[in-house]
C-alpha atoms as a PDB file:
ATOM      1  CA  UNK A   1       8.564  -1.119  -9.051  1.00  0.00           C
ATOM      2  CA  UNK A   2       4.947  -1.458  -9.895  1.00  0.00           C
ATOM      3  CA  UNK A   3       2.715   1.382  -8.962  1.00  0.00           C
ATOM      4  CA  UNK A   4      -0.715   0.128  -8.002  1.00  0.00           C
ATOM      5  CA  UNK A   5      -2.578   3.224  -6.804  1.00  0.00           C
ATOM      6  CA  UNK A   6      -2.469   7.067  -7.001  1.00  0.00           C
ATOM      7  CA  UNK A   7      -4.589   8.870  -4.313  1.00  0.00           C
ATOM      8  CA  UNK A   8      -4.265  12.648  -3.939  1.00  0.00           C
ATOM      9  CA  UNK A   9      -0.557  12.854  -4.304  1.00  0.00           C
ATOM     10  CA  UNK A  10       0.158   9.500  -2.556  1.00  0.00           C
ATOM     11  CA  UNK A  11       1.578   6.653  -4.694  1.00  0.00           C
ATOM     12  CA  UNK A  12       1.044   3.142  -3.580  1.00  0.00           C
ATOM     13  CA  UNK A  13       3.551   0.668  -4.927  1.00  0.00           C
ATOM     14  CA  UNK A  14       5.482  -2.587  -4.543  1.00  0.00           C
ATOM     15  CA  UNK A  15       9.226  -3.116  -5.009  1.00  0.00           C
ATOM     16  CA  UNK A  16       9.997  -5.845  -7.501  1.00  0.00           C
ATOM     17  CA  UNK A  17      12.301  -7.682  -5.028  1.00  0.00           C
ATOM     18  CA  UNK A  18       9.876  -7.425  -2.130  1.00  0.00           C
ATOM     19  CA  UNK A  19       9.030 -10.341   0.262  1.00  0.00           C
ATOM     20  CA  UNK A  20       6.407 -11.503   2.707  1.00  0.00           C
ATOM     21  CA  UNK A  21       4.666 -10.401   4.703  1.00  0.00           C
ATOM     22  CA  UNK A  22       2.254  -8.562   2.431  1.00  0.00           C
ATOM     23  CA  UNK A  23       3.030  -4.943   2.646  1.00  0.00           C
ATOM     24  CA  UNK A  24       2.812  -1.770   0.505  1.00  0.00           C
ATOM     25  CA  UNK A  25       4.960   1.194   0.165  1.00  0.00           C
ATOM     26  CA  UNK A  26       3.389   4.735   0.026  1.00  0.00           C
ATOM     27  CA  UNK A  27       5.393   7.668  -1.461  1.00  0.00           C
ATOM     28  CA  UNK A  28       4.795  11.338  -1.588  1.00  0.00           C
ATOM     29  CA  UNK A  29       7.584  13.498  -3.041  1.00  0.00           C
ATOM     30  CA  UNK A  30      10.839  12.406  -1.155  1.00  0.00           C
ATOM     31  CA  UNK A  31       9.009  10.735   1.694  1.00  0.00           C
ATOM     32  CA  UNK A  32       7.983   7.069   1.989  1.00  0.00           C
ATOM     33  CA  UNK A  33       6.329   4.779   4.523  1.00  0.00           C
ATOM     34  CA  UNK A  34       5.824   1.086   4.431  1.00  0.00           C
ATOM     35  CA  UNK A  35       2.778  -0.586   5.832  1.00  0.00           C
ATOM     36  CA  UNK A  36       2.314  -4.267   6.698  1.00  0.00           C
ATOM     37  CA  UNK A  37      -1.203  -5.818   6.242  1.00  0.00           C
ATOM     38  CA  UNK A  38      -1.652  -8.303   9.103  1.00  0.00           C
ATOM     39  CA  UNK A  39      -4.368 -10.947   8.554  1.00  0.00           C
ATOM     40  CA  UNK A  40      -5.731 -13.456  10.888  1.00  0.00           C
ATOM     41  CA  UNK A  41      -8.240 -16.111   9.537  1.00  0.00           C
ATOM     42  CA  UNK A  42      -8.573 -14.079   6.288  1.00  0.00           C
ATOM     43  CA  UNK A  43      -9.576 -10.826   8.131  1.00  0.00           C
ATOM     44  CA  UNK A  44      -7.468  -7.603   8.270  1.00  0.00           C
ATOM     45  CA  UNK A  45      -6.687  -7.177  11.981  1.00  0.00           C
ATOM     46  CA  UNK A  46      -3.848  -4.599  11.797  1.00  0.00           C
ATOM     47  CA  UNK A  47      -1.840  -2.341   9.586  1.00  0.00           C
ATOM     48  CA  UNK A  48       1.620  -1.835  10.906  1.00  0.00           C
ATOM     49  CA  UNK A  49       3.673   1.199   9.858  1.00  0.00           C
ATOM     50  CA  UNK A  50       7.340   0.213   9.576  1.00  0.00           C
ATOM     51  CA  UNK A  51       9.821   2.834  10.698  1.00  0.00           C
ATOM     52  CA  UNK A  52      11.629   4.426   7.548  1.00  0.00           C
ATOM     53  CA  UNK A  53      14.277   7.167   7.045  1.00  0.00           C
ATOM     54  CA  UNK A  54      11.798   9.791   5.660  1.00  0.00           C
ATOM     55  CA  UNK A  55       8.336   8.769   6.581  1.00  0.00           C
ATOM     56  CA  UNK A  56       5.113  10.452   5.400  1.00  0.00           C
ATOM     57  CA  UNK A  57       3.821  13.247   7.572  1.00  0.00           C
ATOM     58  CA  UNK A  58       0.812  12.792   9.894  1.00  0.00           C
ATOM     59  CA  UNK A  59      -1.897  13.751   7.533  1.00  0.00           C
ATOM     60  CA  UNK A  60      -0.410  11.562   4.721  1.00  0.00           C
ATOM     61  CA  UNK A  61       0.037   8.667   7.163  1.00  0.00           C
ATOM     62  CA  UNK A  62      -3.770   9.016   8.189  1.00  0.00           C
ATOM     63  CA  UNK A  63      -4.840   9.099   4.561  1.00  0.00           C
ATOM     64  CA  UNK A  64      -2.650   6.071   3.736  1.00  0.00           C
ATOM     65  CA  UNK A  65      -4.090   4.028   6.594  1.00  0.00           C
ATOM     66  CA  UNK A  66      -7.668   5.012   5.669  1.00  0.00           C
ATOM     67  CA  UNK A  67      -6.845   4.040   2.013  1.00  0.00           C
ATOM     68  CA  UNK A  68      -5.355   0.750   2.947  1.00  0.00           C
ATOM     69  CA  UNK A  69      -8.299  -0.122   5.232  1.00  0.00           C
ATOM     70  CA  UNK A  70     -10.777   0.568   2.315  1.00  0.00           C
ATOM     71  CA  UNK A  71      -8.635  -1.216  -0.402  1.00  0.00           C
ATOM     72  CA  UNK A  72      -6.790  -3.895   1.465  1.00  0.00           C
ATOM     73  CA  UNK A  73      -8.452  -6.759  -0.345  1.00  0.00           C
ATOM     74  CA  UNK A  74      -7.504  -5.184  -3.732  1.00  0.00           C
ATOM     75  CA  UNK A  75      -3.845  -4.516  -2.585  1.00  0.00           C
ATOM     76  CA  UNK A  76      -3.596  -8.139  -1.401  1.00  0.00           C
ATOM     77  CA  UNK A  77      -4.874  -9.421  -4.622  1.00  0.00           C
ATOM     78  CA  UNK A  78      -2.419  -7.192  -6.566  1.00  0.00           C
ATOM     79  CA  UNK A  79       0.296  -8.539  -4.342  1.00  0.00           C
ATOM     80  CA  UNK A  80      -0.648 -12.101  -5.165  1.00  0.00           C
ATOM     81  CA  UNK A  81      -1.011 -11.383  -8.773  1.00  0.00           C
ATOM     82  CA  UNK A  82       2.508  -9.775  -9.067  1.00  0.00           C
ATOM     83  CA  UNK A  83       4.565 -11.833  -6.737  1.00  0.00           C
ATOM     84  CA  UNK A  84       2.862 -15.326  -7.166  1.00  0.00           C
ATOM     85  CA  UNK A  85       1.276 -15.234 -10.562  1.00  0.00           C
ATOM     86  CA  UNK A  86       3.924 -12.791 -12.119  1.00  0.00           C
ATOM     87  CA  UNK A  87       1.315 -10.563 -13.601  1.00  0.00           C
ATOM     88  CA  UNK A  88       1.955  -6.755 -13.907  1.00  0.00           C
ATOM     89  CA  UNK A  89      -0.744  -4.863 -11.880  1.00  0.00           C
ATOM     90  CA  UNK A  90      -2.476  -1.906 -13.406  1.00  0.00           C
ATOM     91  CA  UNK A  91      -2.269   1.320 -11.629  1.00  0.00           C
ATOM     92  CA  UNK A  92      -5.737   2.811 -10.683  1.00  0.00           C
ATOM     93  CA  UNK A  93      -6.071   6.504  -9.891  1.00  0.00           C
ATOM     94  CA  UNK A  94      -8.672   7.072  -7.095  1.00  0.00           C
ATOM     95  CA  UNK A  95     -10.179  10.625  -7.346  1.00  0.00           C
ATOM     96  CA  UNK A  96     -12.783  10.303  -4.471  1.00  0.00           C
ATOM     97  CA  UNK A  97     -11.816  11.304  -1.081  1.00  0.00           C
ATOM     98  CA  UNK A  98     -12.197   8.493   1.548  1.00  0.00           C
ATOM     99  CA  UNK A  99     -14.136   9.685   4.644  1.00  0.00           C
END
């Protein structure tokens, strides 16, 4: 379960047995949400939150979506590196709030 980002209490990660489409899991304490990154012609066109048992709260969900919008290219690169090239991604701690 590679952790790829930490952002103000949110942990962005992949599960090692994950599958397409490209998506990222975001955890905070006991809550977790899953977000699918939808691309068309190489451009991010949507971020789809998948229903989970214990989703993130509203604020955490908004922060997660803002983060994914800003870092979607890096998230997708880390996905490719991990699942296609079998490289372990490094976790990066982001300490600047996204506006």
